[in-house]
Structure formats: C-alpha cells, structure tokens
C-alpha atoms as a PDB file:
ATOM      1  CA  MET A   1      40.914  42.761  26.487  1.00  0.00           C
ATOM      2  CA  ASN A   2      42.692  43.176  22.681  1.00  0.00           C
ATOM      3  CA  THR A   3      44.572  39.938  22.339  1.00  0.00           C
ATOM      4  CA  THR A   4      47.657  42.621  21.082  1.00  0.00           C
ATOM      5  CA  ASP A   5      51.589  42.692  22.629  1.00  0.00           C
ATOM      6  CA  PRO A   6      50.477  45.738  24.734  1.00  0.00           C
ATOM      7  CA  GLN A   7      52.806  48.441  23.720  1.00  0.00           C
ATOM      8  CA  ILE A   8      54.441  51.779  24.950  1.00  0.00           C
ATOM      9  CA  VAL A   9      52.497  54.608  24.280  1.00  0.00           C
ATOM     10  CA  LEU A  10      54.110  57.483  24.377  1.00  0.00           C
ATOM     11  CA  GLY A  11      52.920  60.808  25.537  1.00  0.00           C
ATOM     12  CA  THR A  12      53.249  63.963  23.788  1.00  0.00           C
ATOM     13  CA  MET A  13      51.198  66.442  25.846  1.00  0.00           C
ATOM     14  CA  ASP A  14      54.338  68.574  27.074  1.00  0.00           C
ATOM     15  CA  PHE A  15      56.023  68.248  23.571  1.00  0.00           C
ATOM     16  CA  GLY A  16      54.901  71.893  22.161  1.00  0.00           C
ATOM     17  CA  THR A  17      55.367  73.935  25.580  1.00  0.00           C
ATOM     18  CA  ARG A  18      57.682  72.541  28.159  1.00  0.00           C
ATOM     19  CA  VAL A  19      59.021  70.219  25.515  1.00  0.00           C
ATOM     20  CA  GLU A  20      60.488  72.674  22.783  1.00  0.00           C
ATOM     21  CA  PRO A  21      60.084  71.392  18.649  1.00  0.00           C
ATOM     22  CA  ASP A  22      63.914  69.736  19.032  1.00  0.00           C
ATOM     23  CA  ARG A  23      63.815  68.110  22.310  1.00  0.00           C
ATOM     24  CA  ALA A  24      60.921  67.043  21.261  1.00  0.00           C
ATOM     25  CA  PHE A  25      61.424  65.033  16.951  1.00  0.00           C
ATOM     26  CA  ALA A  26      64.862  63.648  19.298  1.00  0.00           C
ATOM     27  CA  ILE A  27      62.317  61.585  21.453  1.00  0.00           C
ATOM     28  CA  LEU A  28      60.071  61.321  18.409  1.00  0.00           C
ATOM     29  CA  ASP A  29      62.037  59.808  16.422  1.00  0.00           C
ATOM     30  CA  SER A  30      64.216  57.907  19.534  1.00  0.00           C
ATOM     31  CA  PHE A  31      60.565  56.334  19.746  1.00  0.00           C
ATOM     32  CA  VAL A  32      60.390  55.121  16.553  1.00  0.00           C
ATOM     33  CA  ALA A  33      63.734  53.600  15.824  1.00  0.00           C
ATOM     34  CA  GLY A  34      62.965  51.284  18.742  1.00  0.00           C
ATOM     35  CA  GLY A  35      60.145  49.936  16.985  1.00  0.00           C
ATOM     36  CA  GLY A  36      57.397  52.327  19.404  1.00  0.00           C
ATOM     37  CA  VAL A  37      53.534  52.592  16.986  1.00  0.00           C
ATOM     38  CA  TRP A  38      51.403  54.618  18.634  1.00  0.00           C
ATOM     39  CA  LEU A  39      51.255  58.100  20.050  1.00  0.00           C
ATOM     40  CA  ASP A  40      49.055  60.004  22.081  1.00  0.00           C
ATOM     41  CA  THR A  41      47.709  63.350  22.440  1.00  0.00           C
ATOM     42  CA  ALA A  42      44.331  65.131  22.740  1.00  0.00           C
ATOM     43  CA  ASN A  43      43.821  69.375  21.408  1.00  0.00           C
ATOM     44  CA  CYS A  44      43.843  69.529  24.078  1.00  0.00           C
ATOM     45  CA  TYR A  45      47.283  70.034  24.854  1.00  0.00           C
ATOM     46  CA  SER A  46      48.926  72.167  26.793  1.00  0.00           C
ATOM     47  CA  PHE A  47      46.003  74.528  27.182  1.00  0.00           C
ATOM     48  CA  TRP A  48      46.934  75.516  31.117  1.00  0.00           C
ATOM     49  CA  THR A  49      50.535  75.377  29.869  1.00  0.00           C
ATOM     50  CA  ASP A  50      50.626  77.948  26.612  1.00  0.00           C
ATOM     51  CA  PRO A  51      50.318  81.284  26.972  1.00  0.00           C
ATOM     52  CA  ASP A  52      48.040  80.874  25.154  1.00  0.00           C
ATOM     53  CA  GLY A  53      45.002  79.518  26.768  1.00  0.00           C
ATOM     54  CA  VAL A  54      43.883  76.581  24.187  1.00  0.00           C
ATOM     55  CA  GLY A  55      45.636  74.114  23.482  1.00  0.00           C
ATOM     56  CA  GLY A  56      47.244  72.374  20.071  1.00  0.00           C
ATOM     57  CA  ALA A  57      50.449  73.229  20.202  1.00  0.00           C
ATOM     58  CA  SER A  58      51.529  69.551  21.245  1.00  0.00           C
ATOM     59  CA  GLU A  59      49.035  68.490  17.944  1.00  0.00           C
ATOM     60  CA  ARG A  60      50.598  71.362  15.666  1.00  0.00           C
ATOM     61  CA  LEU A  61      53.873  69.716  17.189  1.00  0.00           C
ATOM     62  CA  ILE A  62      53.423  66.206  15.552  1.00  0.00           C
ATOM     63  CA  GLY A  63      52.459  67.456  12.519  1.00  0.00           C
ATOM     64  CA  ALA A  64      55.543  69.574  11.726  1.00  0.00           C
ATOM     65  CA  TRP A  65      57.179  66.494  12.800  1.00  0.00           C
ATOM     66  CA  LEU A  66      55.525  64.313  10.522  1.00  0.00           C
ATOM     67  CA  ARG A  67      56.096  66.953   7.383  1.00  0.00           C
ATOM     68  CA  ALA A  68      59.994  66.835   8.438  1.00  0.00           C
ATOM     69  CA  ARG A  69      59.709  63.111   7.989  1.00  0.00           C
ATOM     70  CA  PRO A  70      59.186  61.481   5.707  1.00  0.00           C
ATOM     71  CA  GLY A  71      57.594  57.400   5.333  1.00  0.00           C
ATOM     72  CA  ALA A  72      57.371  58.703   9.584  1.00  0.00           C
ATOM     73  CA  ARG A  73      53.320  58.608   8.924  1.00  0.00           C
ATOM     74  CA  ASP A  74      53.710  54.944   7.529  1.00  0.00           C
ATOM     75  CA  ALA A  75      55.348  54.148  11.395  1.00  0.00           C
ATOM     76  CA  ALA A  76      53.535  55.467  13.814  1.00  0.00           C
ATOM     77  CA  ARG A  77      49.506  55.764  14.604  1.00  0.00           C
ATOM     78  CA  ILE A  78      48.573  58.634  16.282  1.00  0.00           C
ATOM     79  CA  ALA A  79      46.169  59.270  19.642  1.00  0.00           C
ATOM     80  CA  THR A  80      44.383  61.946  19.909  1.00  0.00           C
ATOM     81  CA  LYS A  81      41.126  62.849  21.532  1.00  0.00           C
ATOM     82  CA  VAL A  82      38.026  65.442  21.700  1.00  0.00           C
ATOM     83  CA  ARG A  83      36.646  67.301  25.054  1.00  0.00           C
ATOM     84  CA  GLN A  84      38.398  69.383  26.760  1.00  0.00           C
ATOM     85  CA  ASN A  85      39.376  72.218  24.201  1.00  0.00           C
ATOM     86  CA  PRO A  86      38.926  75.990  25.449  1.00  0.00           C
ATOM     87  CA  LEU A  87      36.956  77.266  22.260  1.00  0.00           C
ATOM     88  CA  VAL A  88      37.607  80.066  24.658  1.00  0.00           C
ATOM     89  CA  PRO A  89      41.411  80.819  25.863  1.00  0.00           C
ATOM     90  CA  HIS A  90      41.517  80.900  29.746  1.00  0.00           C
ATOM     91  CA  SER A  91      38.657  79.592  30.907  1.00  0.00           C
ATOM     92  CA  TRP A  92      38.687  76.084  31.227  1.00  0.00           C
ATOM     93  CA  PRO A  93      36.032  73.950  31.885  1.00  0.00           C
ATOM     94  CA  LYS A  94      34.079  76.961  31.643  1.00  0.00           C
ATOM     95  CA  SER A  95      33.986  76.733  27.783  1.00  0.00           C
ATOM     96  CA  ALA A  96      35.420  72.807  27.175  1.00  0.00           C
ATOM     97  CA  GLU A  97      34.120  72.064  24.327  1.00  0.00           C
ATOM     98  CA  GLY A  98      31.896  69.213  25.293  1.00  0.00           C
ATOM     99  CA  LEU A  99      31.076  66.107  22.984  1.00  0.00           C
ATOM    100  CA  SER A 100      27.886  67.622  21.054  1.00  0.00           C
ATOM    101  CA  ALA A 101      27.389  66.274  17.567  1.00  0.00           C
ATOM    102  CA  ARG A 102      29.039  69.594  16.224  1.00  0.00           C
ATOM    103  CA  ALA A 103      31.350  70.224  19.332  1.00  0.00           C
ATOM    104  CA  VAL A 104      32.865  66.269  17.952  1.00  0.00           C
ATOM    105  CA  HIS A 105      33.879  67.003  13.981  1.00  0.00           C
ATOM    106  CA  ALA A 106      34.442  70.746  14.388  1.00  0.00           C
ATOM    107  CA  GLY A 107      37.272  69.515  17.451  1.00  0.00           C
ATOM    108  CA  VAL A 108      38.493  66.052  14.574  1.00  0.00           C
ATOM    109  CA  GLU A 109      38.867  68.191  11.646  1.00  0.00           C
ATOM    110  CA  GLU A 110      41.091  71.321  13.764  1.00  0.00           C
ATOM    111  CA  SER A 111      43.070  67.952  15.369  1.00  0.00           C
ATOM    112  CA  LEU A 112      43.263  67.415  11.507  1.00  0.00           C
ATOM    113  CA  GLU A 113      44.896  70.224  10.136  1.00  0.00           C
ATOM    114  CA  ARG A 114      47.128  70.610  12.878  1.00  0.00           C
ATOM    115  CA  LEU A 115      48.630  67.478  12.619  1.00  0.00           C
ATOM    116  CA  GLY A 116      48.470  67.550   9.418  1.00  0.00           C
ATOM    117  CA  VAL A 117      46.607  64.083   8.313  1.00  0.00           C
ATOM    118  CA  ASP A 118      43.910  62.795   7.045  1.00  0.00           C
ATOM    119  CA  HIS A 119      42.795  60.309   9.376  1.00  0.00           C
ATOM    120  CA  ILE A 120      43.597  59.666  13.746  1.00  0.00           C
ATOM    121  CA  ASP A 121      43.858  56.043  14.460  1.00  0.00           C
ATOM    122  CA  LEU A 122      42.022  56.404  16.913  1.00  0.00           C
ATOM    123  CA  LEU A 123      39.674  59.384  18.577  1.00  0.00           C
ATOM    124  CA  TRP A 124      38.997  58.746  22.153  1.00  0.00           C
ATOM    125  CA  ALA A 125      36.348  60.826  23.986  1.00  0.00           C
ATOM    126  CA  HIS A 126      38.552  62.604  26.072  1.00  0.00           C
ATOM    127  CA  ALA A 127      36.071  63.024  29.530  1.00  0.00           C
ATOM    128  CA  GLU A 128      32.169  62.422  29.195  1.00  0.00           C
ATOM    129  CA  ASP A 129      29.800  65.166  28.607  1.00  0.00           C
ATOM    130  CA  ARG A 130      26.561  64.380  30.431  1.00  0.00           C
ATOM    131  CA  THR A 131      24.921  67.613  29.237  1.00  0.00           C
ATOM    132  CA  VAL A 132      25.188  65.417  25.936  1.00  0.00           C
ATOM    133  CA  PRO A 133      22.722  62.725  25.060  1.00  0.00           C
ATOM    134  CA  LEU A 134      25.366  59.546  25.240  1.00  0.00           C
ATOM    135  CA  GLU A 135      23.047  58.499  21.982  1.00  0.00           C
ATOM    136  CA  GLU A 136      24.143  61.626  19.789  1.00  0.00           C
ATOM    137  CA  THR A 137      28.530  61.174  20.954  1.00  0.00           C
ATOM    138  CA  VAL A 138      27.768  57.892  20.090  1.00  0.00           C
ATOM    139  CA  GLY A 139      26.080  58.177  16.704  1.00  0.00           C
ATOM    140  CA  ALA A 140      28.502  61.589  15.794  1.00  0.00           C
ATOM    141  CA  PHE A 141      32.170  59.015  16.736  1.00  0.00           C
ATOM    142  CA  GLY A 142      30.214  56.900  14.927  1.00  0.00           C
ATOM    143  CA  GLU A 143      29.999  58.776  12.001  1.00  0.00           C
ATOM    144  CA  LEU A 144      33.859  59.876  11.742  1.00  0.00           C
ATOM    145  CA  VAL A 145      34.475  55.986  10.889  1.00  0.00           C
ATOM    146  CA  ALA A 146      32.306  55.792   8.183  1.00  0.00           C
ATOM    147  CA  LYS A 147      33.685  58.863   6.868  1.00  0.00           C
ATOM    148  CA  GLY A 148      37.040  57.612   7.821  1.00  0.00           C
ATOM    149  CA  LEU A 149      39.038  60.323   9.622  1.00  0.00           C
ATOM    150  CA  ALA A 150      38.966  58.404  12.512  1.00  0.00           C
ATOM    151  CA  LEU A 151      40.071  54.843  12.610  1.00  0.00           C
ATOM    152  CA  ARG A 152      39.266  53.291  15.722  1.00  0.00           C
ATOM    153  CA  VAL A 153      37.639  55.172  18.875  1.00  0.00           C
ATOM    154  CA  GLY A 154      37.745  55.082  21.922  1.00  0.00           C
ATOM    155  CA  ALA A 155      36.897  56.501  25.752  1.00  0.00           C
ATOM    156  CA  ALA A 156      38.359  58.276  28.898  1.00  0.00           C
ATOM    157  CA  ASN A 157      38.051  58.624  32.218  1.00  0.00           C
ATOM    158  CA  HIS A 158      35.017  57.311  31.279  1.00  0.00           C
ATOM    159  CA  ALA A 159      32.885  54.665  33.936  1.00  0.00           C
ATOM    160  CA  ALA A 160      32.780  51.652  32.786  1.00  0.00           C
ATOM    161  CA  TRP A 161      28.729  51.781  33.006  1.00  0.00           C
ATOM    162  CA  ARG A 162      28.602  54.186  30.896  1.00  0.00           C
ATOM    163  CA  VAL A 163      30.764  53.090  27.906  1.00  0.00           C
ATOM    164  CA  GLU A 164      28.485  49.465  28.754  1.00  0.00           C
ATOM    165  CA  ARG A 165      25.753  51.598  27.636  1.00  0.00           C
ATOM    166  CA  ALA A 166      27.605  53.000  24.406  1.00  0.00           C
ATOM    167  CA  ARG A 167      28.519  50.539  22.638  1.00  0.00           C
ATOM    168  CA  SER A 168      25.043  49.406  23.064  1.00  0.00           C
ATOM    169  CA  LEU A 169      24.161  52.443  21.474  1.00  0.00           C
ATOM    170  CA  ALA A 170      26.293  51.671  19.012  1.00  0.00           C
ATOM    171  CA  ARG A 171      24.962  48.622  18.125  1.00  0.00           C
ATOM    172  CA  GLU A 172      21.669  50.181  17.991  1.00  0.00           C
ATOM    173  CA  GLN A 173      23.150  52.603  15.419  1.00  0.00           C
ATOM    174  CA  ARG A 174      24.736  50.089  14.251  1.00  0.00           C
ATOM    175  CA  VAL A 175      28.399  52.557  14.002  1.00  0.00           C
ATOM    176  CA  GLU A 176      31.431  51.538  15.173  1.00  0.00           C
ATOM    177  CA  PRO A 177      31.691  51.238  18.713  1.00  0.00           C
ATOM    178  CA  TRP A 178      34.393  52.470  21.386  1.00  0.00           C
ATOM    179  CA  THR A 179      36.599  50.008  21.296  1.00  0.00           C
ATOM    180  CA  ALA A 180      39.000  51.628  24.056  1.00  0.00           C
ATOM    181  CA  LEU A 181      39.956  52.271  27.355  1.00  0.00           C
ATOM    182  CA  GLN A 182      41.753  54.485  29.038  1.00  0.00           C
ATOM    183  CA  LEU A 183      42.355  56.091  32.532  1.00  0.00           C
ATOM    184  CA  ARG A 184      44.443  57.054  35.659  1.00  0.00           C
ATOM    185  CA  HIS A 185      46.688  53.147  36.209  1.00  0.00           C
ATOM    186  CA  SER A 186      49.376  52.617  38.166  1.00  0.00           C
ATOM    187  CA  LEU A 187      51.152  49.946  40.402  1.00  0.00           C
ATOM    188  CA  VAL A 188      50.950  51.981  43.847  1.00  0.00           C
ATOM    189  CA  GLN A 189      46.961  53.439  44.699  1.00  0.00           C
ATOM    190  CA  PRO A 190      45.865  55.635  46.167  1.00  0.00           C
ATOM    191  CA  ARG A 191      43.558  56.023  49.310  1.00  0.00           C
ATOM    192  CA  PRO A 192      40.576  54.097  48.486  1.00  0.00           C
ATOM    193  CA  LEU A 193      37.663  56.519  48.504  1.00  0.00           C
ATOM    194  CA  THR A 194      39.848  59.654  48.694  1.00  0.00           C
ATOM    195  CA  PRO A 195      39.508  61.581  45.168  1.00  0.00           C
ATOM    196  CA  VAL A 196      43.034  62.303  43.738  1.00  0.00           C
ATOM    197  CA  ALA A 197      44.242  65.901  43.443  1.00  0.00           C
ATOM    198  CA  GLU A 198      44.378  65.987  39.758  1.00  0.00           C
ATOM    199  CA  ALA A 199      41.116  67.916  38.058  1.00  0.00           C
ATOM    200  CA  GLY A 200      39.383  65.004  35.135  1.00  0.00           C
ATOM    201  CA  HIS A 201      42.216  62.518  36.366  1.00  0.00           C
ATOM    202  CA  ARG A 202      39.788  58.798  36.396  1.00  0.00           C
ATOM    203  CA  MET A 203      41.320  55.233  38.034  1.00  0.00           C
ATOM    204  CA  LEU A 204      41.771  52.325  36.607  1.00  0.00           C
ATOM    205  CA  ALA A 205      38.430  49.882  38.334  1.00  0.00           C
ATOM    206  CA  ALA A 206      38.290  45.754  38.670  1.00  0.00           C
ATOM    207  CA  GLU A 207      35.298  46.968  36.405  1.00  0.00           C
ATOM    208  CA  ASP A 208      37.189  48.077  33.183  1.00  0.00           C
ATOM    209  CA  LEU A 209      39.321  45.682  33.367  1.00  0.00           C
ATOM    210  CA  ASP A 210      36.706  43.462  33.929  1.00  0.00           C
ATOM    211  CA  LEU A 211      34.504  44.709  30.935  1.00  0.00           C
ATOM    212  CA  ALA A 212      37.835  45.268  29.070  1.00  0.00           C
ATOM    213  CA  ARG A 213      38.711  40.577  29.458  1.00  0.00           C
ATOM    214  CA  SER A 214      35.043  40.910  28.391  1.00  0.00           C
ATOM    215  CA  ASP A 215      34.403  42.681  25.616  1.00  0.00           C
ATOM    216  CA  GLY A 216      37.886  42.221  24.411  1.00  0.00           C
ATOM    217  CA  LEU A 217      38.560  45.892  24.570  1.00  0.00           C
ATOM    218  CA  ALA A 218      41.363  47.757  25.236  1.00  0.00           C
ATOM    219  CA  VAL A 219      43.446  49.574  28.658  1.00  0.00           C
ATOM    220  CA  TRP A 220      45.525  52.276  28.113  1.00  0.00           C
ATOM    221  CA  SER A 221      46.795  53.852  31.415  1.00  0.00           C
ATOM    222  CA  TYR A 222      48.654  57.202  32.064  1.00  0.00           C
ATOM    223  CA  SER A 223      50.209  58.393  34.915  1.00  0.00           C
ATOM    224  CA  ALA A 224      51.575  54.923  34.589  1.00  0.00           C
ATOM    225  CA  LEU A 225      54.995  56.725  36.328  1.00  0.00           C
ATOM    226  CA  MET A 226      53.676  59.525  37.995  1.00  0.00           C
ATOM    227  CA  TRP A 227      55.154  61.875  37.535  1.00  0.00           C
ATOM    228  CA  GLY A 228      58.694  60.563  38.199  1.00  0.00           C
ATOM    229  CA  SER A 229      57.953  59.842  41.251  1.00  0.00           C
ATOM    230  CA  TYR A 230      59.168  55.962  41.613  1.00  0.00           C
ATOM    231  CA  VAL A 231      63.156  56.955  40.503  1.00  0.00           C
ATOM    232  CA  ARG A 232      63.882  61.205  41.525  1.00  0.00           C
ATOM    233  CA  ALA A 233      63.088  61.989  45.510  1.00  0.00           C
ATOM    234  CA  ASP A 234      62.256  65.749  44.622  1.00  0.00           C
ATOM    235  CA  LYS A 235      59.113  64.762  43.306  1.00  0.00           C
ATOM    236  CA  PRO A 236      56.550  62.321  45.994  1.00  0.00           C
ATOM    237  CA  LEU A 237      53.659  60.832  45.468  1.00  0.00           C
ATOM    238  CA  PRO A 238      50.584  63.174  45.955  1.00  0.00           C
ATOM    239  CA  GLN A 239      50.006  62.673  49.904  1.00  0.00           C
ATOM    240  CA  THR A 240      46.128  60.035  48.621  1.00  0.00           C
ATOM    241  CA  TYR A 241      49.519  58.003  48.678  1.00  0.00           C
ATOM    242  CA  ASP A 242      50.230  58.192  52.104  1.00  0.00           C
ATOM    243  CA  HIS A 243      49.517  55.093  53.428  1.00  0.00           C
ATOM    244  CA  VAL A 244      51.183  51.082  54.480  1.00  0.00           C
ATOM    245  CA  GLY A 245      50.232  49.192  51.128  1.00  0.00           C
ATOM    246  CA  THR A 246      52.617  52.367  49.443  1.00  0.00           C
ATOM    247  CA  VAL A 247      55.266  51.632  51.229  1.00  0.00           C
ATOM    248  CA  GLN A 248      54.868  47.632  50.999  1.00  0.00           C
ATOM    249  CA  VAL A 249      54.517  47.723  47.580  1.00  0.00           C
ATOM    250  CA  LEU A 250      57.412  50.686  47.274  1.00  0.00           C
ATOM    251  CA  ALA A 251      60.347  47.656  49.101  1.00  0.00           C
ATOM    252  CA  VAL A 252      58.919  45.269  46.671  1.00  0.00           C
ATOM    253  CA  LEU A 253      59.676  47.004  43.588  1.00  0.00           C
ATOM    254  CA  ALA A 254      62.906  47.822  44.936  1.00  0.00           C
ATOM    255  CA  ASP A 255      63.469  44.338  45.570  1.00  0.00           C
ATOM    256  CA  VAL A 256      62.404  43.214  42.085  1.00  0.00           C
ATOM    257  CA  ALA A 257      64.695  45.614  40.516  1.00  0.00           C
ATOM    258  CA  ALA A 258      67.365  44.588  41.420  1.00  0.00           C
ATOM    259  CA  GLU A 259      66.992  41.323  41.418  1.00  0.00           C
ATOM    260  CA  LEU A 260      66.456  41.397  37.328  1.00  0.00           C
ATOM    261  CA  SER A 261      69.401  44.435  36.969  1.00  0.00           C
ATOM    262  CA  ALA A 262      66.048  46.694  36.304  1.00  0.00           C
ATOM    263  CA  THR A 263      65.178  50.287  37.280  1.00  0.00           C
ATOM    264  CA  ARG A 264      62.878  50.845  38.951  1.00  0.00           C
ATOM    265  CA  ASN A 265      60.461  52.572  35.865  1.00  0.00           C
ATOM    266  CA  GLN A 266      60.743  49.377  33.935  1.00  0.00           C
ATOM    267  CA  VAL A 267      59.391  46.452  36.660  1.00  0.00           C
ATOM    268  CA  VAL A 268      56.232  48.822  36.959  1.00  0.00           C
ATOM    269  CA  LEU A 269      56.157  49.314  33.152  1.00  0.00           C
ATOM    270  CA  ALA A 270      56.345  45.370  32.109  1.00  0.00           C
ATOM    271  CA  TRP A 271      53.916  44.974  35.435  1.00  0.00           C
ATOM    272  CA  LEU A 272      51.368  46.862  34.187  1.00  0.00           C
ATOM    273  CA  MET A 273      52.101  45.937  30.764  1.00  0.00           C
ATOM    274  CA  ARG A 274      51.877  42.054  31.532  1.00  0.00           C
ATOM    275  CA  GLN A 275      48.425  42.715  32.502  1.00  0.00           C
ATOM    276  CA  GLY A 276      47.443  43.642  28.354  1.00  0.00           C
ATOM    277  CA  ILE A 277      47.445  47.066  29.482  1.00  0.00           C
ATOM    278  CA  ASP A 278      49.453  49.977  26.991  1.00  0.00           C
ATOM    279  CA  PRO A 279      51.221  52.090  28.948  1.00  0.00           C
ATOM    280  CA  ILE A 280      51.745  56.026  28.107  1.00  0.00           C
ATOM    281  CA  VAL A 281      54.958  57.174  29.464  1.00  0.00           C
ATOM    282  CA  GLY A 282      55.578  60.866  29.064  1.00  0.00           C
ATOM    283  CA  VAL A 283      58.889  61.948  28.683  1.00  0.00           C
ATOM    284  CA  SER A 284      61.097  64.848  28.460  1.00  0.00           C
ATOM    285  CA  SER A 285      64.637  63.298  27.116  1.00  0.00           C
ATOM    286  CA  VAL A 286      65.295  60.171  25.315  1.00  0.00           C
ATOM    287  CA  GLU A 287      66.955  58.218  27.696  1.00  0.00           C
ATOM    288  CA  GLN A 288      64.089  58.096  29.530  1.00  0.00           C
ATOM    289  CA  ILE A 289      61.782  56.636  26.506  1.00  0.00           C
ATOM    290  CA  GLU A 290      64.808  54.794  26.078  1.00  0.00           C
ATOM    291  CA  GLU A 291      64.506  53.630  29.304  1.00  0.00           C
ATOM    292  CA  ALA A 292      61.048  53.420  29.589  1.00  0.00           C
ATOM    293  CA  LEU A 293      61.422  51.034  25.707  1.00  0.00           C
ATOM    294  CA  ALA A 294      63.763  48.734  27.234  1.00  0.00           C
ATOM    295  CA  ALA A 295      60.918  47.226  30.075  1.00  0.00           C
ATOM    296  CA  HIS A 296      59.205  45.386  27.353  1.00  0.00           C
ATOM    297  CA  ARG A 297      62.946  43.045  27.821  1.00  0.00           C
ATOM    298  CA  VAL A 298      62.295  42.798  31.771  1.00  0.00           C
ATOM    299  CA  ARG A 299      60.401  39.707  32.005  1.00  0.00           C
ATOM    300  CA  LEU A 300      58.511  39.724  35.639  1.00  0.00           C
ATOM    301  CA  SER A 301      57.639  35.732  36.591  1.00  0.00           C
ATOM    302  CA  ASP A 302      53.759  34.991  38.196  1.00  0.00           C
ATOM    303  CA  GLU A 303      56.735  35.131  41.583  1.00  0.00           C
ATOM    304  CA  HIS A 304      56.976  38.760  41.534  1.00  0.00           C
ATOM    305  CA  LEU A 305      53.461  38.937  40.348  1.00  0.00           C
ATOM    306  CA  ALA A 306      52.493  36.875  43.912  1.00  0.00           C
ATOM    307  CA  ARG A 307      55.068  39.404  45.663  1.00  0.00           C
ATOM    308  CA  PHE A 308      53.672  42.744  44.081  1.00  0.00           C
ATOM    309  CA  ASP A 309      49.321  41.472  44.790  1.00  0.00           C
ATOM    310  CA  GLU A 310      50.272  40.470  48.396  1.00  0.00           C
ATOM    311  CA  ALA A 311      51.772  43.935  49.152  1.00  0.00           C
ATOM    312  CA  ARG A 312      48.573  45.476  46.988  1.00  0.00           C
END
C-alpha cells in the first residue's frame, strides 16, 4: 500500500443538495483549518437528490468555495470521478456517461469547469464499464495525466483483477497507471455472499488489500461510518449486517471507545487508518468533521486490533 500516513478524506457528496452552501462552506473551512487535505467528490453528485436529475452540484459548490477562499486551492487536493453522471436527466443508469475515451475527456472537461481549476489531483473511474474496451479507458486516463489535467488516477468499485489488467495495459501503452483503489469498507461487515442494497457499491475484499500492499497502491474506503449507524439509534444497520459477528464487534467497539475516551466513530476511523486505509467521511456539520479529524489522536494498540479481529 502507499507509504504516506493515512488521513481523513472529506466526502462532499451531499454538498449543494442536502447540505446547503453556507453549512458546506463552514465544513470545508473547518476541515482545512484542522489539517485536512483531500476532498472527495464526483461529477454525478448528487443526481438522485438534485431536482434537475443530473450531477454537478457538489463540484459547483467546491468551485464556489475555492473562488471565495483565496489560497484554498493550495491547501486542498481534489479527487473527483467520471462514469456515472446521467447524460439525460432522471435517466440513470440508462444514460450514464460510461468510460469511453470520449466520455472520460468530456466528463473531466466539465468537472474542471465546474470546479474552476486547471487540474484534478486524483481522478477516479467511478465504476467498471465493460461495454468499453479496458485499453480505451486506460488510454484516456493516461492521456489526461500526460496533458496535466489529472495528476493521479485510480479505480473505484473495480474488481482487483480488472485493476491489475488495467495497470498491465498502462505499462504496455506507457501511460500513467491507476495507483489508487476506492471501495466500501467499515468495521462491521455484511453477511458473506449477501449483496448490499446500495446500487453500484463494491465491498473491499482481501484480494484488494493484497494487490494494494503488493503494488504500493493507496486505498480509500467509503461508507466508513455506515451513515451514522454506529452512534444513532434512529439509523439502524441494514438487514445484511444482522448477524452474530456484528453484535460481537459492536460490543468490542463500545468497550474500546470507553477505554480510550473516544467516540465509537473515532475508533472506527482509527481502526481503518491503522490498516493503511484512508477513510472518506461524509458530514453535515462542523462538529462532525472536527470529531472525525480528532480520530488521528486515537491510538489503537495491537491488543485492541486483536480483539476486533476475534469478534469479526
């Protein structure tokens, strides 16, 4: 896996839709002031919430924040994604843009315009598109890096074997390969072999970590805090998490949080970072991002990790 220290990534999916501009600006300000660096967005965020039925609201809000905060671009790094934005309003997945070379270039051009920047620090392929030859997608991402429009590229919600094949194709084409993975992962796990209800989500598997550690790839995890389910009784875990392992893990989580005088969310984030994973945290208040950033100060011992492993 990558050698840099893991860090909290600010997920901005709901900015400009569920999280209004003033509150989003305050969260962004607090994140950067607290030492946060990476902002995670996508060109499709959040088409399912936006009355217009297309994405772009999150990127537009980040762009407005950057214009209002001289110097913020130097402090923040921007990660965005292409693949899922509907080309026809309210028509997803039927009109999702895909990963053809034309779609990738057009998507990035529009993202740069909305963000008001001249490059993206990390560009993700948001999900697989098996209707397009992988060679074509890899070449398009490599061309964007060669042009300086993207500094790094990565794959979200991709099977490990597809990532490895893409990296091999990049070597053949002599272009920049994917060097980062983004998948869903948290302390609790769904029952084995049961699909998750959320469309397009792909769970982190042992083979993904194996590939990352072998090849020095960064790993980002989304839904790290399970939409508040660790701390909110009104947000129960999905049915697929209803098994004895979850009960045991949550009991250990409560004990460890009490021992360390930390919140359960902070312990979950610390557990992810101990494994070299960068957790993406979506928040709707300044207090929530301050709590998340403070997870860096939570020190989990090997004994703590062993207790979690035994419970899972």
